[in-house]
């Protein structure tokens, strides 16, 4: 699935990136069609985000992406009508103008890389900058010609109609055309508390495209020096005052250092509305909070929507173990939702 938000963030930061996507595969492969990674220049080296399966396949694909970026930079210094193509790959068209080079890599994983998967993958490398980003829709299916005949194949045209009418989408590689579903808006998840558990949960969930994370606490010093990419951090002397800014369809995890603050957050969120609310604590804390929230005027049916404890107790109480349990529960909740629906 094409994550336009992550692409926009990467382009804003780096100017141009190469997106490497598994367009198709036969037999066993490290990842499914639609899995992608971004590669960009960073100082004197290169960095990447996401994964298409790791190992030799990812290393070789990153090398090809770097060659594209280096060639693009060289072309900017010395404009040429036909930039050279990295050895073994073809320069292909992206869109009608064909201004941005793209590369297709077809690899039998066993013979080419010595991998045991036994399958084969087709990889598409595309340079993404502000111009190509603008051509990507904000929702639906992004279809474009990568190589071959200019006429759109019937399966791609049919997929576009189906996406518009029913919201059913998948990655399709057909006759040189690539169509990919654009990721829906991320689920807003507000994490209250930047202690050990809060840090573990944010570090675990931040790489996932499913969530738009907002991380909150009482002061800047409560957060680590480096905030994960894509995470918005907020602070206020009384974080409960920020509840009013949360969307009503947001999900919340409450794990602050203060039971009084935890209770105030639950009280305000019950009054405002939410898609899901998880509260760190024990069964005894849950019982005390039910009693106190009842005394504050909240009906039992509303209080019962609070999940406490959170995570999977069988995994233990280590912060990372809690984070794994919480993350798994959130992902299961996501997969249980009807296609195209947000949590709520």
C-alpha atoms as a PDB file:
ATOM      1  CA  UNK A   1       0.000   0.000   0.000  1.00  0.00           C
ATOM      2  CA  UNK A   2       1.298   3.428  -0.968  1.00  0.00           C
ATOM      3  CA  UNK A   3       1.731   5.651   2.095  1.00  0.00           C
ATOM      4  CA  UNK A   4       1.410   9.152   0.663  1.00  0.00           C
ATOM      5  CA  UNK A   5       1.850  10.795   4.060  1.00  0.00           C
ATOM      6  CA  UNK A   6       5.224   9.120   4.613  1.00  0.00           C
ATOM      7  CA  UNK A   7       6.250  10.017   1.058  1.00  0.00           C
ATOM      8  CA  UNK A   8       5.322  13.679   1.557  1.00  0.00           C
ATOM      9  CA  UNK A   9       7.270  13.771   4.807  1.00  0.00           C
ATOM     10  CA  UNK A  10      10.340  12.217   3.168  1.00  0.00           C
ATOM     11  CA  UNK A  11      10.214  14.540   0.138  1.00  0.00           C
ATOM     12  CA  UNK A  12       9.841  17.589   2.382  1.00  0.00           C
ATOM     13  CA  UNK A  13      12.907  16.511   4.342  1.00  0.00           C
ATOM     14  CA  UNK A  14      15.171  15.182   1.584  1.00  0.00           C
ATOM     15  CA  UNK A  15      13.972  16.779  -1.655  1.00  0.00           C
ATOM     16  CA  UNK A  16      13.911  13.502  -3.588  1.00  0.00           C
ATOM     17  CA  UNK A  17      13.702   9.855  -2.601  1.00  0.00           C
ATOM     18  CA  UNK A  18      13.507   6.559  -4.444  1.00  0.00           C
ATOM     19  CA  UNK A  19      10.564   4.330  -3.637  1.00  0.00           C
ATOM     20  CA  UNK A  20      11.240   0.645  -4.230  1.00  0.00           C
ATOM     21  CA  UNK A  21       8.072  -1.468  -4.327  1.00  0.00           C
ATOM     22  CA  UNK A  22       7.427  -5.148  -4.914  1.00  0.00           C
ATOM     23  CA  UNK A  23       5.101  -4.876  -7.906  1.00  0.00           C
ATOM     24  CA  UNK A  24       4.595  -8.629  -8.277  1.00  0.00           C
ATOM     25  CA  UNK A  25       6.019 -11.972  -7.207  1.00  0.00           C
ATOM     26  CA  UNK A  26       5.851 -15.612  -8.171  1.00  0.00           C
ATOM     27  CA  UNK A  27       6.266 -18.389  -5.669  1.00  0.00           C
ATOM     28  CA  UNK A  28       7.819 -17.698  -2.288  1.00  0.00           C
ATOM     29  CA  UNK A  29       9.162 -14.191  -1.636  1.00  0.00           C
ATOM     30  CA  UNK A  30      10.323 -12.274   1.459  1.00  0.00           C
ATOM     31  CA  UNK A  31       7.383  -9.810   1.297  1.00  0.00           C
ATOM     32  CA  UNK A  32       4.051  -9.426  -0.439  1.00  0.00           C
ATOM     33  CA  UNK A  33       3.208  -7.289  -3.475  1.00  0.00           C
ATOM     34  CA  UNK A  34       2.900  -3.677  -2.364  1.00  0.00           C
ATOM     35  CA  UNK A  35       5.667  -3.846   0.260  1.00  0.00           C
ATOM     36  CA  UNK A  36       7.963  -0.860  -0.219  1.00  0.00           C
ATOM     37  CA  UNK A  37      10.963   1.025   1.107  1.00  0.00           C
ATOM     38  CA  UNK A  38      12.274   4.554   0.634  1.00  0.00           C
ATOM     39  CA  UNK A  39      15.936   5.360  -0.044  1.00  0.00           C
ATOM     40  CA  UNK A  40      17.459   8.837   0.113  1.00  0.00           C
ATOM     41  CA  UNK A  41      20.820  10.572   0.198  1.00  0.00           C
ATOM     42  CA  UNK A  42      21.996  11.573   3.666  1.00  0.00           C
ATOM     43  CA  UNK A  43      25.226  13.540   3.943  1.00  0.00           C
ATOM     44  CA  UNK A  44      27.916  11.424   2.346  1.00  0.00           C
ATOM     45  CA  UNK A  45      25.865   8.232   2.596  1.00  0.00           C
ATOM     46  CA  UNK A  46      22.353   6.938   2.182  1.00  0.00           C
ATOM     47  CA  UNK A  47      19.489   5.989   4.483  1.00  0.00           C
ATOM     48  CA  UNK A  48      16.344   3.940   4.031  1.00  0.00           C
ATOM     49  CA  UNK A  49      12.910   3.562   5.611  1.00  0.00           C
ATOM     50  CA  UNK A  50      10.619   0.561   5.350  1.00  0.00           C
ATOM     51  CA  UNK A  51      11.555  -2.887   4.114  1.00  0.00           C
ATOM     52  CA  UNK A  52      10.967  -5.206   1.180  1.00  0.00           C
ATOM     53  CA  UNK A  53      12.302  -8.193   3.053  1.00  0.00           C
ATOM     54  CA  UNK A  54      15.844  -7.435   4.136  1.00  0.00           C
ATOM     55  CA  UNK A  55      18.952  -9.402   3.235  1.00  0.00           C
ATOM     56  CA  UNK A  56      20.522  -9.536  -0.210  1.00  0.00           C
ATOM     57  CA  UNK A  57      17.349  -8.460  -2.020  1.00  0.00           C
ATOM     58  CA  UNK A  58      17.096  -5.247  -0.029  1.00  0.00           C
ATOM     59  CA  UNK A  59      20.822  -4.514  -0.268  1.00  0.00           C
ATOM     60  CA  UNK A  60      20.852  -4.873  -4.059  1.00  0.00           C
ATOM     61  CA  UNK A  61      17.662  -2.808  -4.426  1.00  0.00           C
ATOM     62  CA  UNK A  62      19.082  -0.052  -2.220  1.00  0.00           C
ATOM     63  CA  UNK A  63      22.224   0.009  -4.379  1.00  0.00           C
ATOM     64  CA  UNK A  64      20.086   0.501  -7.495  1.00  0.00           C
ATOM     65  CA  UNK A  65      18.113   3.251  -5.772  1.00  0.00           C
ATOM     66  CA  UNK A  66      21.335   4.999  -4.778  1.00  0.00           C
ATOM     67  CA  UNK A  67      22.516   4.826  -8.385  1.00  0.00           C
ATOM     68  CA  UNK A  68      19.299   6.552  -9.456  1.00  0.00           C
ATOM     69  CA  UNK A  69      19.775   9.323  -6.906  1.00  0.00           C
ATOM     70  CA  UNK A  70      23.430   9.798  -7.829  1.00  0.00           C
ATOM     71  CA  UNK A  71      22.549   9.935 -11.512  1.00  0.00           C
ATOM     72  CA  UNK A  72      19.782  12.435 -10.802  1.00  0.00           C
ATOM     73  CA  UNK A  73      22.224  14.667  -8.925  1.00  0.00           C
ATOM     74  CA  UNK A  74      24.771  14.379 -11.747  1.00  0.00           C
ATOM     75  CA  UNK A  75      22.115  15.239 -14.311  1.00  0.00           C
ATOM     76  CA  UNK A  76      21.206  18.342 -12.330  1.00  0.00           C
ATOM     77  CA  UNK A  77      24.826  19.486 -12.487  1.00  0.00           C
ATOM     78  CA  UNK A  78      25.293  18.564 -16.151  1.00  0.00           C
ATOM     79  CA  UNK A  79      21.935  18.317 -17.931  1.00  0.00           C
ATOM     80  CA  UNK A  80      21.753  15.521 -20.493  1.00  0.00           C
ATOM     81  CA  UNK A  81      18.939  14.323 -22.696  1.00  0.00           C
ATOM     82  CA  UNK A  82      19.465  10.662 -21.806  1.00  0.00           C
ATOM     83  CA  UNK A  83      20.996  10.002 -18.383  1.00  0.00           C
ATOM     84  CA  UNK A  84      22.933   6.760 -18.170  1.00  0.00           C
ATOM     85  CA  UNK A  85      21.180   3.734 -16.739  1.00  0.00           C
ATOM     86  CA  UNK A  86      22.763   1.676 -13.948  1.00  0.00           C
ATOM     87  CA  UNK A  87      24.186  -1.488 -15.447  1.00  0.00           C
ATOM     88  CA  UNK A  88      21.700  -4.279 -15.916  1.00  0.00           C
ATOM     89  CA  UNK A  89      18.578  -2.109 -15.683  1.00  0.00           C
ATOM     90  CA  UNK A  90      16.464  -0.199 -18.169  1.00  0.00           C
ATOM     91  CA  UNK A  91      15.360   3.414 -18.045  1.00  0.00           C
ATOM     92  CA  UNK A  92      11.577   3.381 -18.119  1.00  0.00           C
ATOM     93  CA  UNK A  93       8.858   5.959 -18.418  1.00  0.00           C
ATOM     94  CA  UNK A  94       6.881   7.312 -15.511  1.00  0.00           C
ATOM     95  CA  UNK A  95       3.795   9.046 -16.810  1.00  0.00           C
ATOM     96  CA  UNK A  96       3.487  10.564 -20.260  1.00  0.00           C
ATOM     97  CA  UNK A  97       6.374  13.020 -19.909  1.00  0.00           C
ATOM     98  CA  UNK A  98       8.891  10.343 -18.952  1.00  0.00           C
ATOM     99  CA  UNK A  99      10.847  13.042 -17.115  1.00  0.00           C
ATOM    100  CA  UNK A 100      11.632  10.970 -14.051  1.00  0.00           C
ATOM    101  CA  UNK A 101      13.579   7.750 -14.580  1.00  0.00           C
ATOM    102  CA  UNK A 102      12.232   4.535 -13.175  1.00  0.00           C
ATOM    103  CA  UNK A 103      13.864   1.141 -13.021  1.00  0.00           C
ATOM    104  CA  UNK A 104      12.375  -2.316 -13.116  1.00  0.00           C
ATOM    105  CA  UNK A 105      14.275  -5.196 -11.587  1.00  0.00           C
ATOM    106  CA  UNK A 106      13.109  -8.762 -12.237  1.00  0.00           C
ATOM    107  CA  UNK A 107      14.905 -11.227 -10.025  1.00  0.00           C
ATOM    108  CA  UNK A 108      14.687 -14.992  -9.559  1.00  0.00           C
ATOM    109  CA  UNK A 109      15.674 -15.063  -5.917  1.00  0.00           C
ATOM    110  CA  UNK A 110      17.523 -18.360  -6.013  1.00  0.00           C
ATOM    111  CA  UNK A 111      19.730 -17.980  -9.133  1.00  0.00           C
ATOM    112  CA  UNK A 112      20.277 -14.224  -8.754  1.00  0.00           C
ATOM    113  CA  UNK A 113      20.798 -13.914  -5.004  1.00  0.00           C
ATOM    114  CA  UNK A 114      21.325 -17.409  -3.691  1.00  0.00           C
ATOM    115  CA  UNK A 115      18.225 -17.160  -1.512  1.00  0.00           C
ATOM    116  CA  UNK A 116      16.199 -20.173  -0.465  1.00  0.00           C
ATOM    117  CA  UNK A 117      12.808 -18.586  -1.142  1.00  0.00           C
ATOM    118  CA  UNK A 118      12.617 -20.168  -4.591  1.00  0.00           C
ATOM    119  CA  UNK A 119      10.362 -17.470  -6.009  1.00  0.00           C
ATOM    120  CA  UNK A 120      10.858 -14.395  -8.174  1.00  0.00           C
ATOM    121  CA  UNK A 121      10.026 -10.728  -7.652  1.00  0.00           C
ATOM    122  CA  UNK A 122       9.447  -7.728  -9.890  1.00  0.00           C
ATOM    123  CA  UNK A 123      10.683  -4.512  -8.270  1.00  0.00           C
ATOM    124  CA  UNK A 124       9.856  -1.002  -9.458  1.00  0.00           C
ATOM    125  CA  UNK A 125      12.146   1.870  -8.436  1.00  0.00           C
ATOM    126  CA  UNK A 126      10.649   5.348  -8.842  1.00  0.00           C
ATOM    127  CA  UNK A 127      12.193   8.717  -8.077  1.00  0.00           C
ATOM    128  CA  UNK A 128       9.692  10.707  -6.017  1.00  0.00           C
ATOM    129  CA  UNK A 129      10.035  14.478  -5.755  1.00  0.00           C
ATOM    130  CA  UNK A 130       7.529  17.309  -5.380  1.00  0.00           C
ATOM    131  CA  UNK A 131       6.339  16.940  -9.001  1.00  0.00           C
ATOM    132  CA  UNK A 132       5.733  13.176  -8.893  1.00  0.00           C
ATOM    133  CA  UNK A 133       4.230  13.451  -5.393  1.00  0.00           C
ATOM    134  CA  UNK A 134       1.642  15.904  -6.722  1.00  0.00           C
ATOM    135  CA  UNK A 135       0.466  13.268  -9.229  1.00  0.00           C
ATOM    136  CA  UNK A 136      -0.358  10.759  -6.477  1.00  0.00           C
ATOM    137  CA  UNK A 137      -4.008  10.923  -5.365  1.00  0.00           C
ATOM    138  CA  UNK A 138      -4.793  11.314  -1.695  1.00  0.00           C
ATOM    139  CA  UNK A 139      -7.052   8.280  -1.715  1.00  0.00           C
ATOM    140  CA  UNK A 140      -8.160   5.481  -3.981  1.00  0.00           C
ATOM    141  CA  UNK A 141      -5.939   3.690  -6.486  1.00  0.00           C
ATOM    142  CA  UNK A 142      -2.776   5.215  -7.981  1.00  0.00           C
ATOM    143  CA  UNK A 143      -2.307   3.788 -11.490  1.00  0.00           C
ATOM    144  CA  UNK A 144       0.551   4.791 -13.792  1.00  0.00           C
ATOM    145  CA  UNK A 145       2.427   3.459 -16.817  1.00  0.00           C
ATOM    146  CA  UNK A 146       5.903   2.255 -15.998  1.00  0.00           C
ATOM    147  CA  UNK A 147       6.799   0.528 -19.252  1.00  0.00           C
ATOM    148  CA  UNK A 148       5.309  -0.987 -22.390  1.00  0.00           C
ATOM    149  CA  UNK A 149       2.234   0.014 -24.397  1.00  0.00           C
ATOM    150  CA  UNK A 150       0.533   3.304 -23.565  1.00  0.00           C
ATOM    151  CA  UNK A 151      -3.006   1.907 -23.466  1.00  0.00           C
ATOM    152  CA  UNK A 152      -4.234   1.107 -19.960  1.00  0.00           C
ATOM    153  CA  UNK A 153      -4.764  -2.664 -19.613  1.00  0.00           C
ATOM    154  CA  UNK A 154      -8.319  -3.781 -18.948  1.00  0.00           C
ATOM    155  CA  UNK A 155      -7.542  -5.254 -15.474  1.00  0.00           C
ATOM    156  CA  UNK A 156      -6.119  -1.886 -14.356  1.00  0.00           C
ATOM    157  CA  UNK A 157      -9.126   0.025 -15.731  1.00  0.00           C
ATOM    158  CA  UNK A 158     -11.468  -2.459 -14.067  1.00  0.00           C
ATOM    159  CA  UNK A 159      -9.608  -2.098 -10.771  1.00  0.00           C
ATOM    160  CA  UNK A 160      -9.974   1.688 -10.918  1.00  0.00           C
ATOM    161  CA  UNK A 161     -13.726   1.374 -11.403  1.00  0.00           C
ATOM    162  CA  UNK A 162     -14.005  -1.148  -8.581  1.00  0.00           C
ATOM    163  CA  UNK A 163     -11.959   1.061  -6.243  1.00  0.00           C
ATOM    164  CA  UNK A 164     -14.235   4.019  -6.894  1.00  0.00           C
ATOM    165  CA  UNK A 165     -17.431   2.029  -6.541  1.00  0.00           C
ATOM    166  CA  UNK A 166     -16.667  -0.458  -3.777  1.00  0.00           C
ATOM    167  CA  UNK A 167     -13.412   0.611  -2.147  1.00  0.00           C
ATOM    168  CA  UNK A 168     -11.783  -2.759  -2.945  1.00  0.00           C
ATOM    169  CA  UNK A 169      -8.142  -2.336  -3.906  1.00  0.00           C
ATOM    170  CA  UNK A 170      -4.961  -4.337  -4.336  1.00  0.00           C
ATOM    171  CA  UNK A 171      -1.532  -3.919  -5.923  1.00  0.00           C
ATOM    172  CA  UNK A 172      -1.660  -4.884  -9.611  1.00  0.00           C
ATOM    173  CA  UNK A 173       1.226  -5.178 -12.101  1.00  0.00           C
ATOM    174  CA  UNK A 174      -0.039  -5.720 -15.614  1.00  0.00           C
ATOM    175  CA  UNK A 175       1.503  -5.068 -19.046  1.00  0.00           C
ATOM    176  CA  UNK A 176       3.890  -2.440 -17.719  1.00  0.00           C
ATOM    177  CA  UNK A 177       1.266  -0.628 -15.619  1.00  0.00           C
ATOM    178  CA  UNK A 178       1.406  -0.474 -11.831  1.00  0.00           C
ATOM    179  CA  UNK A 179      -1.652   0.253  -9.689  1.00  0.00           C
ATOM    180  CA  UNK A 180      -1.433   0.581  -5.912  1.00  0.00           C
ATOM    181  CA  UNK A 181      -3.986   1.485  -3.246  1.00  0.00           C
ATOM    182  CA  UNK A 182      -3.180   4.725  -1.444  1.00  0.00           C
ATOM    183  CA  UNK A 183      -3.145   4.171   2.302  1.00  0.00           C
ATOM    184  CA  UNK A 184      -6.216   5.563   4.066  1.00  0.00           C
ATOM    185  CA  UNK A 185      -5.763   8.322   6.646  1.00  0.00           C
ATOM    186  CA  UNK A 186      -3.873   6.950   9.626  1.00  0.00           C
ATOM    187  CA  UNK A 187      -5.758   6.197  12.832  1.00  0.00           C
ATOM    188  CA  UNK A 188      -5.181   9.002  15.349  1.00  0.00           C
ATOM    189  CA  UNK A 189      -3.662   7.492  18.488  1.00  0.00           C
ATOM    190  CA  UNK A 190      -2.939   9.709  21.497  1.00  0.00           C
ATOM    191  CA  UNK A 191      -0.396   8.323  23.957  1.00  0.00           C
ATOM    192  CA  UNK A 192      -0.577  10.053  27.334  1.00  0.00           C
ATOM    193  CA  UNK A 193       2.703   9.683  29.229  1.00  0.00           C
ATOM    194  CA  UNK A 194       6.374   9.590  28.230  1.00  0.00           C
ATOM    195  CA  UNK A 195       7.668   7.242  30.895  1.00  0.00           C
ATOM    196  CA  UNK A 196       9.226   3.841  30.253  1.00  0.00           C
ATOM    197  CA  UNK A 197       6.022   2.243  28.976  1.00  0.00           C
ATOM    198  CA  UNK A 198       5.053   5.282  26.894  1.00  0.00           C
ATOM    199  CA  UNK A 199       8.481   5.309  25.256  1.00  0.00           C
ATOM    200  CA  UNK A 200       8.323   1.593  24.514  1.00  0.00           C
ATOM    201  CA  UNK A 201       4.837   1.861  22.997  1.00  0.00           C
ATOM    202  CA  UNK A 202       5.719   4.860  20.816  1.00  0.00           C
ATOM    203  CA  UNK A 203       8.934   3.215  19.607  1.00  0.00           C
ATOM    204  CA  UNK A 204       6.989   0.049  18.740  1.00  0.00           C
ATOM    205  CA  UNK A 205       4.092   1.737  16.935  1.00  0.00           C
ATOM    206  CA  UNK A 206       5.850   4.670  15.228  1.00  0.00           C
ATOM    207  CA  UNK A 207       7.193   2.634  12.257  1.00  0.00           C
ATOM    208  CA  UNK A 208       3.705   1.323  11.425  1.00  0.00           C
ATOM    209  CA  UNK A 209       1.736   3.224   8.762  1.00  0.00           C
ATOM    210  CA  UNK A 210      -1.553   2.510  10.546  1.00  0.00           C
ATOM    211  CA  UNK A 211      -1.251   5.195  13.218  1.00  0.00           C
ATOM    212  CA  UNK A 212      -0.868   8.958  13.474  1.00  0.00           C
ATOM    213  CA  UNK A 213       0.747   9.268  16.891  1.00  0.00           C
ATOM    214  CA  UNK A 214       0.359  12.206  19.241  1.00  0.00           C
ATOM    215  CA  UNK A 215       2.492  11.881  22.374  1.00  0.00           C
ATOM    216  CA  UNK A 216       1.691  14.004  25.429  1.00  0.00           C
ATOM    217  CA  UNK A 217       3.150  14.758  28.850  1.00  0.00           C
ATOM    218  CA  UNK A 218       3.676  17.568  31.342  1.00  0.00           C
ATOM    219  CA  UNK A 219       6.994  19.059  30.139  1.00  0.00           C
ATOM    220  CA  UNK A 220       9.553  18.831  27.287  1.00  0.00           C
ATOM    221  CA  UNK A 221      12.052  17.160  29.589  1.00  0.00           C
ATOM    222  CA  UNK A 222       9.735  14.177  29.985  1.00  0.00           C
ATOM    223  CA  UNK A 223      10.397  13.136  26.376  1.00  0.00           C
ATOM    224  CA  UNK A 224      13.541  11.502  24.951  1.00  0.00           C
ATOM    225  CA  UNK A 225      15.950  13.720  23.015  1.00  0.00           C
ATOM    226  CA  UNK A 226      14.948  12.095  19.709  1.00  0.00           C
ATOM    227  CA  UNK A 227      11.271  11.779  18.832  1.00  0.00           C
ATOM    228  CA  UNK A 228      10.488   9.072  16.242  1.00  0.00           C
ATOM    229  CA  UNK A 229       9.726  10.294  12.732  1.00  0.00           C
ATOM    230  CA  UNK A 230       6.080  11.159  12.224  1.00  0.00           C
ATOM    231  CA  UNK A 231       5.248  11.450  15.935  1.00  0.00           C
ATOM    232  CA  UNK A 232       3.795  14.739  17.202  1.00  0.00           C
ATOM    233  CA  UNK A 233       4.721  15.500  20.795  1.00  0.00           C
ATOM    234  CA  UNK A 234       2.777  17.938  22.950  1.00  0.00           C
ATOM    235  CA  UNK A 235       3.173  19.118  26.523  1.00  0.00           C
ATOM    236  CA  UNK A 236       1.131  21.095  29.012  1.00  0.00           C
ATOM    237  CA  UNK A 237       1.321  21.644  32.751  1.00  0.00           C
ATOM    238  CA  UNK A 238      -2.012  19.859  32.923  1.00  0.00           C
ATOM    239  CA  UNK A 239      -2.158  17.548  29.891  1.00  0.00           C
ATOM    240  CA  UNK A 240      -5.867  16.957  30.516  1.00  0.00           C
ATOM    241  CA  UNK A 241      -6.450  20.449  29.121  1.00  0.00           C
ATOM    242  CA  UNK A 242      -5.406  19.054  25.702  1.00  0.00           C
ATOM    243  CA  UNK A 243      -8.191  16.463  25.635  1.00  0.00           C
ATOM    244  CA  UNK A 244     -10.495  18.956  23.925  1.00  0.00           C
ATOM    245  CA  UNK A 245      -8.128  19.028  20.924  1.00  0.00           C
ATOM    246  CA  UNK A 246      -8.337  15.271  20.321  1.00  0.00           C
ATOM    247  CA  UNK A 247     -10.603  14.107  17.484  1.00  0.00           C
ATOM    248  CA  UNK A 248     -13.629  12.200  18.701  1.00  0.00           C
ATOM    249  CA  UNK A 249     -12.566   9.227  16.572  1.00  0.00           C
ATOM    250  CA  UNK A 250      -9.110   9.104  18.190  1.00  0.00           C
ATOM    251  CA  UNK A 251      -7.840   6.164  20.198  1.00  0.00           C
ATOM    252  CA  UNK A 252      -6.102   6.793  23.513  1.00  0.00           C
ATOM    253  CA  UNK A 253      -3.592   5.052  25.754  1.00  0.00           C
ATOM    254  CA  UNK A 254      -3.295   6.519  29.253  1.00  0.00           C
ATOM    255  CA  UNK A 255      -0.073   5.653  31.086  1.00  0.00           C
ATOM    256  CA  UNK A 256       1.097   8.719  32.979  1.00  0.00           C
ATOM    257  CA  UNK A 257       3.088   8.798  36.223  1.00  0.00           C
ATOM    258  CA  UNK A 258       0.045  10.060  38.176  1.00  0.00           C
ATOM    259  CA  UNK A 259      -3.129   8.156  39.070  1.00  0.00           C
ATOM    260  CA  UNK A 260      -4.855  11.497  39.639  1.00  0.00           C
ATOM    261  CA  UNK A 261      -3.953  12.613  36.113  1.00  0.00           C
ATOM    262  CA  UNK A 262      -4.994   9.221  34.718  1.00  0.00           C
ATOM    263  CA  UNK A 263      -8.398   9.636  36.390  1.00  0.00           C
ATOM    264  CA  UNK A 264      -8.826  13.194  35.098  1.00  0.00           C
ATOM    265  CA  UNK A 265      -7.984  12.063  31.564  1.00  0.00           C
ATOM    266  CA  UNK A 266     -10.522   9.229  31.762  1.00  0.00           C
ATOM    267  CA  UNK A 267     -13.147  11.628  33.147  1.00  0.00           C
ATOM    268  CA  UNK A 268     -12.669  14.170  30.363  1.00  0.00           C
ATOM    269  CA  UNK A 269     -12.453  11.598  27.587  1.00  0.00           C
ATOM    270  CA  UNK A 270     -15.655   9.911  28.763  1.00  0.00           C
ATOM    271  CA  UNK A 271     -17.318  13.279  28.539  1.00  0.00           C
ATOM    272  CA  UNK A 272     -15.944  14.043  25.069  1.00  0.00           C
ATOM    273  CA  UNK A 273     -16.009  10.694  23.278  1.00  0.00           C
ATOM    274  CA  UNK A 274     -13.374   8.405  21.756  1.00  0.00           C
ATOM    275  CA  UNK A 275     -12.936   5.361  19.542  1.00  0.00           C
ATOM    276  CA  UNK A 276     -10.960   3.356  22.086  1.00  0.00           C
ATOM    277  CA  UNK A 277      -9.415   4.047  25.500  1.00  0.00           C
ATOM    278  CA  UNK A 278      -6.786   1.892  27.173  1.00  0.00           C
ATOM    279  CA  UNK A 279      -5.611   2.535  30.739  1.00  0.00           C
ATOM    280  CA  UNK A 280      -2.466   1.036  32.213  1.00  0.00           C
ATOM    281  CA  UNK A 281      -2.931  -0.580  35.592  1.00  0.00           C
ATOM    282  CA  UNK A 282      -4.026  -3.614  37.538  1.00  0.00           C
ATOM    283  CA  UNK A 283      -7.437  -5.130  38.153  1.00  0.00           C
ATOM    284  CA  UNK A 284      -7.583  -3.303  41.494  1.00  0.00           C
ATOM    285  CA  UNK A 285      -6.825   0.042  39.800  1.00  0.00           C
ATOM    286  CA  UNK A 286      -9.559  -0.679  37.278  1.00  0.00           C
ATOM    287  CA  UNK A 287     -12.047  -1.348  40.088  1.00  0.00           C
ATOM    288  CA  UNK A 288     -11.101   1.875  41.926  1.00  0.00           C
ATOM    289  CA  UNK A 289     -11.401   3.900  38.731  1.00  0.00           C
ATOM    290  CA  UNK A 290     -14.826   2.411  37.948  1.00  0.00           C
ATOM    291  CA  UNK A 291     -16.036   3.461  41.384  1.00  0.00           C
ATOM    292  CA  UNK A 292     -14.580   6.987  41.128  1.00  0.00           C
ATOM    293  CA  UNK A 293     -15.832   7.556  37.586  1.00  0.00           C
ATOM    294  CA  UNK A 294     -19.294   6.356  38.653  1.00  0.00           C
ATOM    295  CA  UNK A 295     -19.177   8.940  41.452  1.00  0.00           C
ATOM    296  CA  UNK A 296     -18.311  11.581  38.822  1.00  0.00           C
ATOM    297  CA  UNK A 297     -21.577  10.784  37.053  1.00  0.00           C
ATOM    298  CA  UNK A 298     -20.523   8.416  34.284  1.00  0.00           C
ATOM    299  CA  UNK A 299     -22.858   5.491  33.563  1.00  0.00           C
ATOM    300  CA  UNK A 300     -21.507   1.956  33.840  1.00  0.00           C
ATOM    301  CA  UNK A 301     -22.006   1.321  30.117  1.00  0.00           C
ATOM    302  CA  UNK A 302     -19.635   4.186  29.272  1.00  0.00           C
ATOM    303  CA  UNK A 303     -17.075   3.237  31.918  1.00  0.00           C
ATOM    304  CA  UNK A 304     -17.044  -0.326  30.564  1.00  0.00           C
ATOM    305  CA  UNK A 305     -15.545   0.990  27.308  1.00  0.00           C
ATOM    306  CA  UNK A 306     -12.244   1.613  29.133  1.00  0.00           C
ATOM    307  CA  UNK A 307      -9.789  -1.269  28.682  1.00  0.00           C
ATOM    308  CA  UNK A 308      -7.768  -1.864  31.861  1.00  0.00           C
ATOM    309  CA  UNK A 309      -5.308  -3.524  32.148  1.00  0.00           C
ATOM    310  CA  UNK A 310      -3.855  -3.043  28.684  1.00  0.00           C
ATOM    311  CA  UNK A 311      -1.652  -5.396  26.698  1.00  0.00           C
ATOM    312  CA  UNK A 312      -1.251  -9.108  27.331  1.00  0.00           C
ATOM    313  CA  UNK A 313      -0.536  -9.910  31.025  1.00  0.00           C
ATOM    314  CA  UNK A 314       0.936 -13.279  30.041  1.00  0.00           C
ATOM    315  CA  UNK A 315       3.853 -11.463  28.365  1.00  0.00           C
ATOM    316  CA  UNK A 316       4.992  -9.879  31.628  1.00  0.00           C
ATOM    317  CA  UNK A 317       5.411  -6.336  32.912  1.00  0.00           C
ATOM    318  CA  UNK A 318       8.576  -5.269  31.109  1.00  0.00           C
ATOM    319  CA  UNK A 319       7.835  -2.028  29.165  1.00  0.00           C
ATOM    320  CA  UNK A 320       8.681  -3.643  25.829  1.00  0.00           C
ATOM    321  CA  UNK A 321       6.519  -6.661  26.670  1.00  0.00           C
ATOM    322  CA  UNK A 322       3.616  -4.345  27.462  1.00  0.00           C
ATOM    323  CA  UNK A 323       4.253  -2.476  24.212  1.00  0.00           C
ATOM    324  CA  UNK A 324       4.152  -5.710  22.205  1.00  0.00           C
ATOM    325  CA  UNK A 325       0.852  -6.719  23.783  1.00  0.00           C
ATOM    326  CA  UNK A 326      -0.682  -3.283  23.257  1.00  0.00           C
ATOM    327  CA  UNK A 327       0.517  -3.123  19.651  1.00  0.00           C
ATOM    328  CA  UNK A 328      -0.854  -6.579  18.863  1.00  0.00           C
ATOM    329  CA  UNK A 329      -4.239  -5.674  20.370  1.00  0.00           C
ATOM    330  CA  UNK A 330      -4.427  -2.452  18.353  1.00  0.00           C
ATOM    331  CA  UNK A 331      -3.524  -4.214  15.110  1.00  0.00           C
ATOM    332  CA  UNK A 332      -6.099  -6.943  15.752  1.00  0.00           C
ATOM    333  CA  UNK A 333      -8.666  -4.222  16.386  1.00  0.00           C
ATOM    334  CA  UNK A 334      -7.723  -2.632  13.067  1.00  0.00           C
ATOM    335  CA  UNK A 335      -8.033  -5.912  11.153  1.00  0.00           C
ATOM    336  CA  UNK A 336     -11.430  -6.569  12.734  1.00  0.00           C
ATOM    337  CA  UNK A 337     -12.852  -3.355  11.258  1.00  0.00           C
ATOM    338  CA  UNK A 338     -14.793  -3.513   7.974  1.00  0.00           C
ATOM    339  CA  UNK A 339     -12.637  -2.609   4.934  1.00  0.00           C
ATOM    340  CA  UNK A 340     -12.378   1.111   4.441  1.00  0.00           C
ATOM    341  CA  UNK A 341     -13.711   1.945   7.917  1.00  0.00           C
ATOM    342  CA  UNK A 342     -11.799   3.750  10.655  1.00  0.00           C
ATOM    343  CA  UNK A 343     -11.744   2.703  14.273  1.00  0.00           C
ATOM    344  CA  UNK A 344     -14.754   3.984  16.120  1.00  0.00           C
END
